[in-house]
Amino acid sequence: MADHSEAFRGWGAMKPIKLAVLVFAVFLAGGKTAHGGGVVGECIDGQHHLSIGSMAITESAQESPGFILKREAIGICEEAVFVPDDPIPFSMTPWQGGLFSSCQASVVLDCPDEGVLYKYTPYFVHQDGTYAEAGGSCGADQRVFGYVGCGSAPLVRGTLIFTPTYDGNVEVRVMPCEDDCWTETLWAVMEIDAFFGTVEGDPNEILRQVVDVHGDRTYCLMLGGATHTISRVTAAPEGECGSVPVETKRFAGFRAMYR
């Protein structure tokens, strides 16, 4: 397993964990679920309610005190943080005669700032402080991160690329404004009319400039499936790239305290 310790300096002197994590196919009936591995969540009353799941070899998982979550703010030039302070305990459900187990947990975290989308990625924590990214799969989908935000916030800012498909749909991709900390990639497949229905304003004007795309990742992705859904497309502020101003972000959080 790759050594992630250099990527997370400041979280203690860590060495690569020897926790064996199984990544395999679990076919479920679609929709959001953490059972195949990953994070799903929603905002309720200004808090992030998160469900976490991962498949692991039982003997290895028993050595872990719990999960920890890497939290990244989308479109803000700030370093990722790990939350909460203490590992999140998980329950274990045996699978395949007990050799493997489904590890499940839930946690409620305060939303750092309203109007910002956050990306959560789960890690196993080991007794000696080492760590490893959790694994799991639903269908062919091995992604374990999830997005949660309170209020309206774009998933990606960038330039749209359209590719018509043979069945009358359109593939929509986004070239993100990476220099301004918009690092998420997006690929959606939609009916043409459905896509234009998500565009706020005159498509002939908005789609010629940098846009903000709102949406979510798909779950239980099959091979060749779209990685994201799109719910809204708007012109980016000033029609240009740019990160979310830290002052604006903090003001939103400050204002929320007095609502």
C-alpha atoms as a PDB file:
ATOM      1  CA  MET A   1       0.000   0.000   0.000  1.00  0.00           C
ATOM      2  CA  ALA A   2       1.265   3.469  -0.865  1.00  0.00           C
ATOM      3  CA  ASP A   3       2.769   5.601   1.875  1.00  0.00           C
ATOM      4  CA  HIS A   4       0.490   8.626   2.302  1.00  0.00           C
ATOM      5  CA  SER A   5       2.392  10.076   5.248  1.00  0.00           C
ATOM      6  CA  GLU A   6       4.135  12.800   3.247  1.00  0.00           C
ATOM      7  CA  ALA A   7       0.762  14.016   1.990  1.00  0.00           C
ATOM      8  CA  PHE A   8      -0.510  14.597   5.517  1.00  0.00           C
ATOM      9  CA  ARG A   9       2.302  16.337   7.312  1.00  0.00           C
ATOM     10  CA  GLY A  10       1.175  17.979  10.524  1.00  0.00           C
ATOM     11  CA  TRP A  11      -1.039  15.090  11.633  1.00  0.00           C
ATOM     12  CA  GLY A  12       1.667  13.445  13.667  1.00  0.00           C
ATOM     13  CA  ALA A  13       4.602  11.253  12.837  1.00  0.00           C
ATOM     14  CA  MET A  14       2.869   8.556  10.834  1.00  0.00           C
ATOM     15  CA  LYS A  15       4.104   5.476   9.082  1.00  0.00           C
ATOM     16  CA  PRO A  16       2.270   3.507   6.423  1.00  0.00           C
ATOM     17  CA  ILE A  17      -0.457   1.387   7.929  1.00  0.00           C
ATOM     18  CA  LYS A  18      -0.612  -2.347   7.436  1.00  0.00           C
ATOM     19  CA  LEU A  19      -4.375  -2.470   7.626  1.00  0.00           C
ATOM     20  CA  ALA A  20      -5.549  -4.687   4.787  1.00  0.00           C
ATOM     21  CA  VAL A  21      -8.502  -3.079   3.033  1.00  0.00           C
ATOM     22  CA  LEU A  22     -10.524  -5.062   0.536  1.00  0.00           C
ATOM     23  CA  VAL A  23     -11.811  -3.348  -2.578  1.00  0.00           C
ATOM     24  CA  PHE A  24     -14.373  -5.452  -4.346  1.00  0.00           C
ATOM     25  CA  ALA A  25     -17.706  -5.334  -6.145  1.00  0.00           C
ATOM     26  CA  VAL A  26     -20.882  -5.128  -4.103  1.00  0.00           C
ATOM     27  CA  PHE A  27     -23.950  -4.806  -6.281  1.00  0.00           C
ATOM     28  CA  LEU A  28     -26.706  -2.839  -4.599  1.00  0.00           C
ATOM     29  CA  ALA A  29     -29.963  -1.382  -5.825  1.00  0.00           C
ATOM     30  CA  GLY A  30     -28.670   2.069  -6.782  1.00  0.00           C
ATOM     31  CA  GLY A  31     -29.086   5.347  -4.921  1.00  0.00           C
ATOM     32  CA  LYS A  32     -26.852   6.739  -2.223  1.00  0.00           C
ATOM     33  CA  THR A  33     -25.441   4.164   0.145  1.00  0.00           C
ATOM     34  CA  ALA A  34     -22.335   3.912   2.277  1.00  0.00           C
ATOM     35  CA  HIS A  35     -22.598   0.150   2.584  1.00  0.00           C
ATOM     36  CA  GLY A  36     -20.367  -0.529  -0.401  1.00  0.00           C
ATOM     37  CA  GLY A  37     -17.737   1.820   0.966  1.00  0.00           C
ATOM     38  CA  GLY A  38     -17.523   5.578   1.124  1.00  0.00           C
ATOM     39  CA  VAL A  39     -19.204   8.638   2.596  1.00  0.00           C
ATOM     40  CA  VAL A  40     -22.711   9.974   2.052  1.00  0.00           C
ATOM     41  CA  GLY A  41     -24.306  12.820   3.921  1.00  0.00           C
ATOM     42  CA  GLU A  42     -26.620  15.776   4.087  1.00  0.00           C
ATOM     43  CA  CYS A  43     -26.946  19.122   5.833  1.00  0.00           C
ATOM     44  CA  ILE A  44     -29.481  19.272   8.650  1.00  0.00           C
ATOM     45  CA  ASP A  45     -29.831  22.427  10.760  1.00  0.00           C
ATOM     46  CA  GLY A  46     -26.350  23.658   9.930  1.00  0.00           C
ATOM     47  CA  GLN A  47     -24.611  20.344  10.570  1.00  0.00           C
ATOM     48  CA  HIS A  48     -23.125  17.681   8.330  1.00  0.00           C
ATOM     49  CA  HIS A  49     -24.763  14.301   9.017  1.00  0.00           C
ATOM     50  CA  LEU A  50     -22.428  11.679   7.568  1.00  0.00           C
ATOM     51  CA  SER A  51     -22.606   7.909   7.054  1.00  0.00           C
ATOM     52  CA  ILE A  52     -19.323   6.073   6.479  1.00  0.00           C
ATOM     53  CA  GLY A  53     -18.772   2.575   5.160  1.00  0.00           C
ATOM     54  CA  SER A  54     -15.889   0.371   4.115  1.00  0.00           C
ATOM     55  CA  MET A  55     -15.153  -3.268   3.438  1.00  0.00           C
ATOM     56  CA  ALA A  56     -12.042  -4.680   5.135  1.00  0.00           C
ATOM     57  CA  ILE A  57     -10.432  -7.929   6.188  1.00  0.00           C
ATOM     58  CA  THR A  58     -11.966  -8.609   9.591  1.00  0.00           C
ATOM     59  CA  GLU A  59      -8.752  -9.344  11.473  1.00  0.00           C
ATOM     60  CA  SER A  60      -7.168  -6.106  10.277  1.00  0.00           C
ATOM     61  CA  ALA A  61     -10.250  -3.984  10.910  1.00  0.00           C
ATOM     62  CA  GLN A  62     -10.428  -5.216  14.503  1.00  0.00           C
ATOM     63  CA  GLU A  63      -7.116  -3.477  15.141  1.00  0.00           C
ATOM     64  CA  SER A  64      -8.497  -0.078  14.153  1.00  0.00           C
ATOM     65  CA  PRO A  65     -10.091   2.258  16.730  1.00  0.00           C
ATOM     66  CA  GLY A  66     -12.185   3.894  14.022  1.00  0.00           C
ATOM     67  CA  PHE A  67     -12.387   6.176  11.006  1.00  0.00           C
ATOM     68  CA  ILE A  68     -11.023   9.672  10.538  1.00  0.00           C
ATOM     69  CA  LEU A  69     -12.210  11.991   7.766  1.00  0.00           C
ATOM     70  CA  LYS A  70     -10.134  14.167   5.499  1.00  0.00           C
ATOM     71  CA  ARG A  71     -12.160  17.316   4.788  1.00  0.00           C
ATOM     72  CA  GLU A  72     -11.434  19.564   1.807  1.00  0.00           C
ATOM     73  CA  ALA A  73     -13.253  22.806   0.999  1.00  0.00           C
ATOM     74  CA  ILE A  74     -14.122  22.954  -2.706  1.00  0.00           C
ATOM     75  CA  GLY A  75     -12.977  26.129  -4.476  1.00  0.00           C
ATOM     76  CA  ILE A  76     -11.126  27.539  -1.464  1.00  0.00           C
ATOM     77  CA  CYS A  77      -7.350  27.716  -1.332  1.00  0.00           C
ATOM     78  CA  GLU A  78      -6.917  26.213   2.119  1.00  0.00           C
ATOM     79  CA  GLU A  79      -5.241  23.034   3.293  1.00  0.00           C
ATOM     80  CA  ALA A  80      -7.323  19.972   4.030  1.00  0.00           C
ATOM     81  CA  VAL A  81      -7.982  19.086   7.668  1.00  0.00           C
ATOM     82  CA  PHE A  82      -8.750  15.835   9.487  1.00  0.00           C
ATOM     83  CA  VAL A  83     -11.919  15.623  11.590  1.00  0.00           C
ATOM     84  CA  PRO A  84     -12.993  14.908  14.269  1.00  0.00           C
ATOM     85  CA  ASP A  85     -10.239  14.985  16.880  1.00  0.00           C
ATOM     86  CA  ASP A  86     -10.860  11.382  17.948  1.00  0.00           C
ATOM     87  CA  PRO A  87     -11.422   8.363  15.676  1.00  0.00           C
ATOM     88  CA  ILE A  88     -15.044   7.534  14.843  1.00  0.00           C
ATOM     89  CA  PRO A  89     -15.882   4.037  16.186  1.00  0.00           C
ATOM     90  CA  PHE A  90     -17.490   1.687  13.670  1.00  0.00           C
ATOM     91  CA  SER A  91     -19.609  -1.449  13.864  1.00  0.00           C
ATOM     92  CA  MET A  92     -18.642  -4.570  11.923  1.00  0.00           C
ATOM     93  CA  THR A  93     -20.940  -6.944  10.049  1.00  0.00           C
ATOM     94  CA  PRO A  94     -19.278 -10.231   8.976  1.00  0.00           C
ATOM     95  CA  TRP A  95     -19.326 -11.183   5.312  1.00  0.00           C
ATOM     96  CA  GLN A  96     -18.170 -14.282   3.462  1.00  0.00           C
ATOM     97  CA  GLY A  97     -17.999 -16.423   6.565  1.00  0.00           C
ATOM     98  CA  GLY A  98     -16.386 -13.713   8.653  1.00  0.00           C
ATOM     99  CA  LEU A  99     -13.165 -13.322   6.678  1.00  0.00           C
ATOM    100  CA  PHE A 100     -14.315  -9.856   5.598  1.00  0.00           C
ATOM    101  CA  SER A 101     -16.491  -7.310   7.345  1.00  0.00           C
ATOM    102  CA  SER A 102     -18.561  -4.296   6.421  1.00  0.00           C
ATOM    103  CA  CYS A 103     -17.465  -1.445   8.700  1.00  0.00           C
ATOM    104  CA  GLN A 104     -20.169   1.161   9.295  1.00  0.00           C
ATOM    105  CA  ALA A 105     -20.216   4.415  11.251  1.00  0.00           C
ATOM    106  CA  SER A 106     -22.014   7.725  11.448  1.00  0.00           C
ATOM    107  CA  VAL A 107     -21.030  11.128  12.751  1.00  0.00           C
ATOM    108  CA  VAL A 108     -22.457  14.651  12.983  1.00  0.00           C
ATOM    109  CA  LEU A 109     -20.064  17.556  12.410  1.00  0.00           C
ATOM    110  CA  ASP A 110     -20.674  21.280  12.536  1.00  0.00           C
ATOM    111  CA  CYS A 111     -20.639  22.898   9.101  1.00  0.00           C
ATOM    112  CA  PRO A 112     -17.540  25.122   8.977  1.00  0.00           C
ATOM    113  CA  ASP A 113     -19.144  27.651   6.620  1.00  0.00           C
ATOM    114  CA  GLU A 114     -22.425  28.024   4.815  1.00  0.00           C
ATOM    115  CA  GLY A 115     -22.326  28.289   1.029  1.00  0.00           C
ATOM    116  CA  VAL A 116     -19.250  26.053   0.666  1.00  0.00           C
ATOM    117  CA  LEU A 117     -19.186  22.454  -0.557  1.00  0.00           C
ATOM    118  CA  TYR A 118     -16.967  20.041   1.364  1.00  0.00           C
ATOM    119  CA  LYS A 119     -15.405  16.777   0.246  1.00  0.00           C
ATOM    120  CA  TYR A 120     -15.020  14.043   2.869  1.00  0.00           C
ATOM    121  CA  THR A 121     -12.716  11.044   2.380  1.00  0.00           C
ATOM    122  CA  PRO A 122     -12.600   8.293   5.046  1.00  0.00           C
ATOM    123  CA  TYR A 123      -9.425   6.739   6.456  1.00  0.00           C
ATOM    124  CA  PHE A 124      -8.874   3.888   8.884  1.00  0.00           C
ATOM    125  CA  VAL A 125      -6.814   4.820  11.944  1.00  0.00           C
ATOM    126  CA  HIS A 126      -4.513   2.215  13.501  1.00  0.00           C
ATOM    127  CA  GLN A 127      -3.572   1.821  17.145  1.00  0.00           C
ATOM    128  CA  ASP A 128      -0.082   3.184  16.511  1.00  0.00           C
ATOM    129  CA  GLY A 129      -1.316   6.274  14.644  1.00  0.00           C
ATOM    130  CA  THR A 130      -0.791   4.977  11.138  1.00  0.00           C
ATOM    131  CA  TYR A 131      -3.618   5.298   8.640  1.00  0.00           C
ATOM    132  CA  ALA A 132      -4.928   4.121   5.296  1.00  0.00           C
ATOM    133  CA  GLU A 133      -7.633   5.338   2.972  1.00  0.00           C
ATOM    134  CA  ALA A 134     -10.767   3.234   3.377  1.00  0.00           C
ATOM    135  CA  GLY A 135     -11.759   0.963   0.521  1.00  0.00           C
ATOM    136  CA  GLY A 136     -14.984  -0.325  -0.875  1.00  0.00           C
ATOM    137  CA  SER A 137     -16.999  -0.632  -4.033  1.00  0.00           C
ATOM    138  CA  CYS A 138     -20.553  -0.541  -5.244  1.00  0.00           C
ATOM    139  CA  GLY A 139     -20.692  -2.014  -8.717  1.00  0.00           C
ATOM    140  CA  ALA A 140     -17.531  -0.837 -10.442  1.00  0.00           C
ATOM    141  CA  ASP A 141     -17.441   2.323  -8.317  1.00  0.00           C
ATOM    142  CA  GLN A 142     -14.386   2.420  -6.056  1.00  0.00           C
ATOM    143  CA  ARG A 143     -14.675   6.070  -5.051  1.00  0.00           C
ATOM    144  CA  VAL A 144     -15.010   6.553  -1.303  1.00  0.00           C
ATOM    145  CA  PHE A 145     -15.409  10.324  -0.980  1.00  0.00           C
ATOM    146  CA  GLY A 146     -18.666  12.225  -0.606  1.00  0.00           C
ATOM    147  CA  TYR A 147     -19.768  15.857  -0.893  1.00  0.00           C
ATOM    148  CA  VAL A 148     -21.763  17.746   1.743  1.00  0.00           C
ATOM    149  CA  GLY A 149     -22.607  21.421   2.024  1.00  0.00           C
ATOM    150  CA  CYS A 150     -25.072  23.712   3.760  1.00  0.00           C
ATOM    151  CA  GLY A 151     -26.583  26.240   1.395  1.00  0.00           C
ATOM    152  CA  SER A 152     -25.968  26.536  -2.314  1.00  0.00           C
ATOM    153  CA  ALA A 153     -22.397  25.945  -3.483  1.00  0.00           C
ATOM    154  CA  PRO A 154     -20.909  24.891  -6.839  1.00  0.00           C
ATOM    155  CA  LEU A 155     -19.116  21.608  -7.280  1.00  0.00           C
ATOM    156  CA  VAL A 156     -16.801  22.925  -9.954  1.00  0.00           C
ATOM    157  CA  ARG A 157     -15.973  26.167 -11.751  1.00  0.00           C
ATOM    158  CA  GLY A 158     -14.585  25.992 -15.236  1.00  0.00           C
ATOM    159  CA  THR A 159     -15.226  25.682 -18.965  1.00  0.00           C
ATOM    160  CA  LEU A 160     -17.783  23.245 -20.331  1.00  0.00           C
ATOM    161  CA  ILE A 161     -17.019  20.717 -23.058  1.00  0.00           C
ATOM    162  CA  PHE A 162     -19.904  19.054 -24.921  1.00  0.00           C
ATOM    163  CA  THR A 163     -19.774  15.788 -26.842  1.00  0.00           C
ATOM    164  CA  PRO A 164     -22.967  14.549 -28.586  1.00  0.00           C
ATOM    165  CA  THR A 165     -23.601  10.823 -28.218  1.00  0.00           C
ATOM    166  CA  TYR A 166     -25.067   8.410 -30.733  1.00  0.00           C
ATOM    167  CA  ASP A 167     -28.328   8.102 -28.787  1.00  0.00           C
ATOM    168  CA  GLY A 168     -29.171  11.804 -28.776  1.00  0.00           C
ATOM    169  CA  ASN A 169     -27.700  12.596 -25.380  1.00  0.00           C
ATOM    170  CA  VAL A 170     -24.759  14.831 -24.616  1.00  0.00           C
ATOM    171  CA  GLU A 171     -21.665  14.184 -22.542  1.00  0.00           C
ATOM    172  CA  VAL A 172     -20.802  17.180 -20.394  1.00  0.00           C
ATOM    173  CA  ARG A 173     -17.315  17.633 -19.008  1.00  0.00           C
ATOM    174  CA  VAL A 174     -15.725  20.547 -17.214  1.00  0.00           C
ATOM    175  CA  MET A 175     -12.178  21.841 -17.496  1.00  0.00           C
ATOM    176  CA  PRO A 176     -11.828  23.160 -13.925  1.00  0.00           C
ATOM    177  CA  CYS A 177     -10.084  26.341 -12.863  1.00  0.00           C
ATOM    178  CA  GLU A 178      -7.360  24.355 -11.097  1.00  0.00           C
ATOM    179  CA  ASP A 179      -5.126  27.366 -10.435  1.00  0.00           C
ATOM    180  CA  ASP A 180      -7.930  28.766  -8.279  1.00  0.00           C
ATOM    181  CA  CYS A 181      -8.378  25.577  -6.249  1.00  0.00           C
ATOM    182  CA  TRP A 182     -11.252  24.121  -8.254  1.00  0.00           C
ATOM    183  CA  THR A 183      -9.857  20.608  -8.543  1.00  0.00           C
ATOM    184  CA  GLU A 184     -12.918  18.382  -8.964  1.00  0.00           C
ATOM    185  CA  THR A 185     -13.467  16.802 -12.358  1.00  0.00           C
ATOM    186  CA  LEU A 186     -16.982  16.272 -13.675  1.00  0.00           C
ATOM    187  CA  TRP A 187     -18.479  14.037 -16.327  1.00  0.00           C
ATOM    188  CA  ALA A 188     -22.239  13.775 -16.790  1.00  0.00           C
ATOM    189  CA  VAL A 189     -24.428  12.263 -19.494  1.00  0.00           C
ATOM    190  CA  MET A 190     -27.827  13.860 -20.033  1.00  0.00           C
ATOM    191  CA  GLU A 191     -30.539  14.379 -22.587  1.00  0.00           C
ATOM    192  CA  ILE A 192     -29.806  17.611 -24.402  1.00  0.00           C
ATOM    193  CA  ASP A 193     -33.064  19.270 -23.353  1.00  0.00           C
ATOM    194  CA  ALA A 194     -32.574  18.152 -19.757  1.00  0.00           C
ATOM    195  CA  PHE A 195     -29.114  19.690 -19.683  1.00  0.00           C
ATOM    196  CA  PHE A 196     -30.256  23.026 -21.080  1.00  0.00           C
ATOM    197  CA  GLY A 197     -33.008  22.947 -18.472  1.00  0.00           C
ATOM    198  CA  THR A 198     -30.307  23.222 -15.777  1.00  0.00           C
ATOM    199  CA  VAL A 199     -28.832  26.395 -17.293  1.00  0.00           C
ATOM    200  CA  GLU A 200     -29.977  29.589 -15.598  1.00  0.00           C
ATOM    201  CA  GLY A 201     -30.142  32.423 -18.091  1.00  0.00           C
ATOM    202  CA  ASP A 202     -29.463  32.520 -21.808  1.00  0.00           C
ATOM    203  CA  PRO A 203     -27.448  29.402 -22.709  1.00  0.00           C
ATOM    204  CA  ASN A 204     -25.956  31.159 -25.738  1.00  0.00           C
ATOM    205  CA  GLU A 205     -24.376  33.692 -23.391  1.00  0.00           C
ATOM    206  CA  ILE A 206     -23.635  31.673 -20.270  1.00  0.00           C
ATOM    207  CA  LEU A 207     -22.090  28.667 -21.983  1.00  0.00           C
ATOM    208  CA  ARG A 208     -19.541  30.855 -23.773  1.00  0.00           C
ATOM    209  CA  GLN A 209     -17.879  31.793 -20.498  1.00  0.00           C
ATOM    210  CA  VAL A 210     -16.623  30.238 -17.288  1.00  0.00           C
ATOM    211  CA  VAL A 211     -19.502  28.679 -15.372  1.00  0.00           C
ATOM    212  CA  ASP A 212     -20.351  27.329 -11.937  1.00  0.00           C
ATOM    213  CA  VAL A 213     -21.749  23.803 -12.062  1.00  0.00           C
ATOM    214  CA  HIS A 214     -23.823  22.471  -9.170  1.00  0.00           C
ATOM    215  CA  GLY A 215     -24.325  18.738  -8.770  1.00  0.00           C
ATOM    216  CA  ASP A 216     -23.258  15.596  -6.971  1.00  0.00           C
ATOM    217  CA  ARG A 217     -21.274  12.448  -7.605  1.00  0.00           C
ATOM    218  CA  THR A 218     -23.082   9.352  -8.790  1.00  0.00           C
ATOM    219  CA  TYR A 219     -23.242   6.220  -6.650  1.00  0.00           C
ATOM    220  CA  CYS A 220     -22.917   2.568  -7.623  1.00  0.00           C
ATOM    221  CA  LEU A 221     -21.242   3.593 -10.870  1.00  0.00           C
ATOM    222  CA  MET A 222     -21.026   0.867 -13.485  1.00  0.00           C
ATOM    223  CA  LEU A 223     -18.218   0.637 -16.028  1.00  0.00           C
ATOM    224  CA  GLY A 224     -18.497   3.551 -18.478  1.00  0.00           C
ATOM    225  CA  GLY A 225     -21.087   5.333 -16.368  1.00  0.00           C
ATOM    226  CA  ALA A 226     -21.210   9.059 -15.695  1.00  0.00           C
ATOM    227  CA  THR A 227     -19.329  10.147 -12.592  1.00  0.00           C
ATOM    228  CA  HIS A 228     -21.594  13.066 -11.687  1.00  0.00           C
ATOM    229  CA  THR A 229     -25.064  14.535 -12.000  1.00  0.00           C
ATOM    230  CA  ILE A 230     -25.776  18.195 -12.794  1.00  0.00           C
ATOM    231  CA  SER A 231     -28.520  20.173 -11.099  1.00  0.00           C
ATOM    232  CA  ARG A 232     -27.716  23.783 -11.995  1.00  0.00           C
ATOM    233  CA  VAL A 233     -25.373  25.748 -14.261  1.00  0.00           C
ATOM    234  CA  THR A 234     -24.819  29.476 -13.751  1.00  0.00           C
ATOM    235  CA  ALA A 235     -22.357  32.077 -14.939  1.00  0.00           C
ATOM    236  CA  ALA A 236     -19.326  32.325 -12.659  1.00  0.00           C
ATOM    237  CA  PRO A 237     -18.859  35.643 -10.879  1.00  0.00           C
ATOM    238  CA  GLU A 238     -17.515  38.083 -13.471  1.00  0.00           C
ATOM    239  CA  GLY A 239     -17.632  35.169 -15.916  1.00  0.00           C
ATOM    240  CA  GLU A 240     -14.068  34.251 -14.962  1.00  0.00           C
ATOM    241  CA  CYS A 241     -12.059  31.794 -12.914  1.00  0.00           C
ATOM    242  CA  GLY A 242     -11.406  32.642  -9.299  1.00  0.00           C
ATOM    243  CA  SER A 243     -11.523  30.936  -5.909  1.00  0.00           C
ATOM    244  CA  VAL A 244     -14.157  31.578  -3.268  1.00  0.00           C
ATOM    245  CA  PRO A 245     -12.849  34.599  -1.319  1.00  0.00           C
ATOM    246  CA  VAL A 246     -11.918  33.594   2.216  1.00  0.00           C
ATOM    247  CA  GLU A 247     -13.521  36.778   3.549  1.00  0.00           C
ATOM    248  CA  THR A 248     -16.807  35.899   1.868  1.00  0.00           C
ATOM    249  CA  LYS A 249     -16.654  32.360   3.210  1.00  0.00           C
ATOM    250  CA  ARG A 250     -16.006  33.498   6.754  1.00  0.00           C
ATOM    251  CA  PHE A 251     -18.674  36.173   6.605  1.00  0.00           C
ATOM    252  CA  ALA A 252     -21.234  33.543   5.585  1.00  0.00           C
ATOM    253  CA  GLY A 253     -20.310  31.444   8.594  1.00  0.00           C
ATOM    254  CA  PHE A 254     -20.360  34.469  10.897  1.00  0.00           C
ATOM    255  CA  ARG A 255     -23.743  35.570   9.600  1.00  0.00           C
ATOM    256  CA  ALA A 256     -25.198  32.088  10.110  1.00  0.00           C
ATOM    257  CA  MET A 257     -24.473  32.336  13.851  1.00  0.00           C
ATOM    258  CA  TYR A 258     -27.103  35.062  14.233  1.00  0.00           C
ATOM    259  CA  ARG A 259     -29.921  33.536  12.183  1.00  0.00           C
END
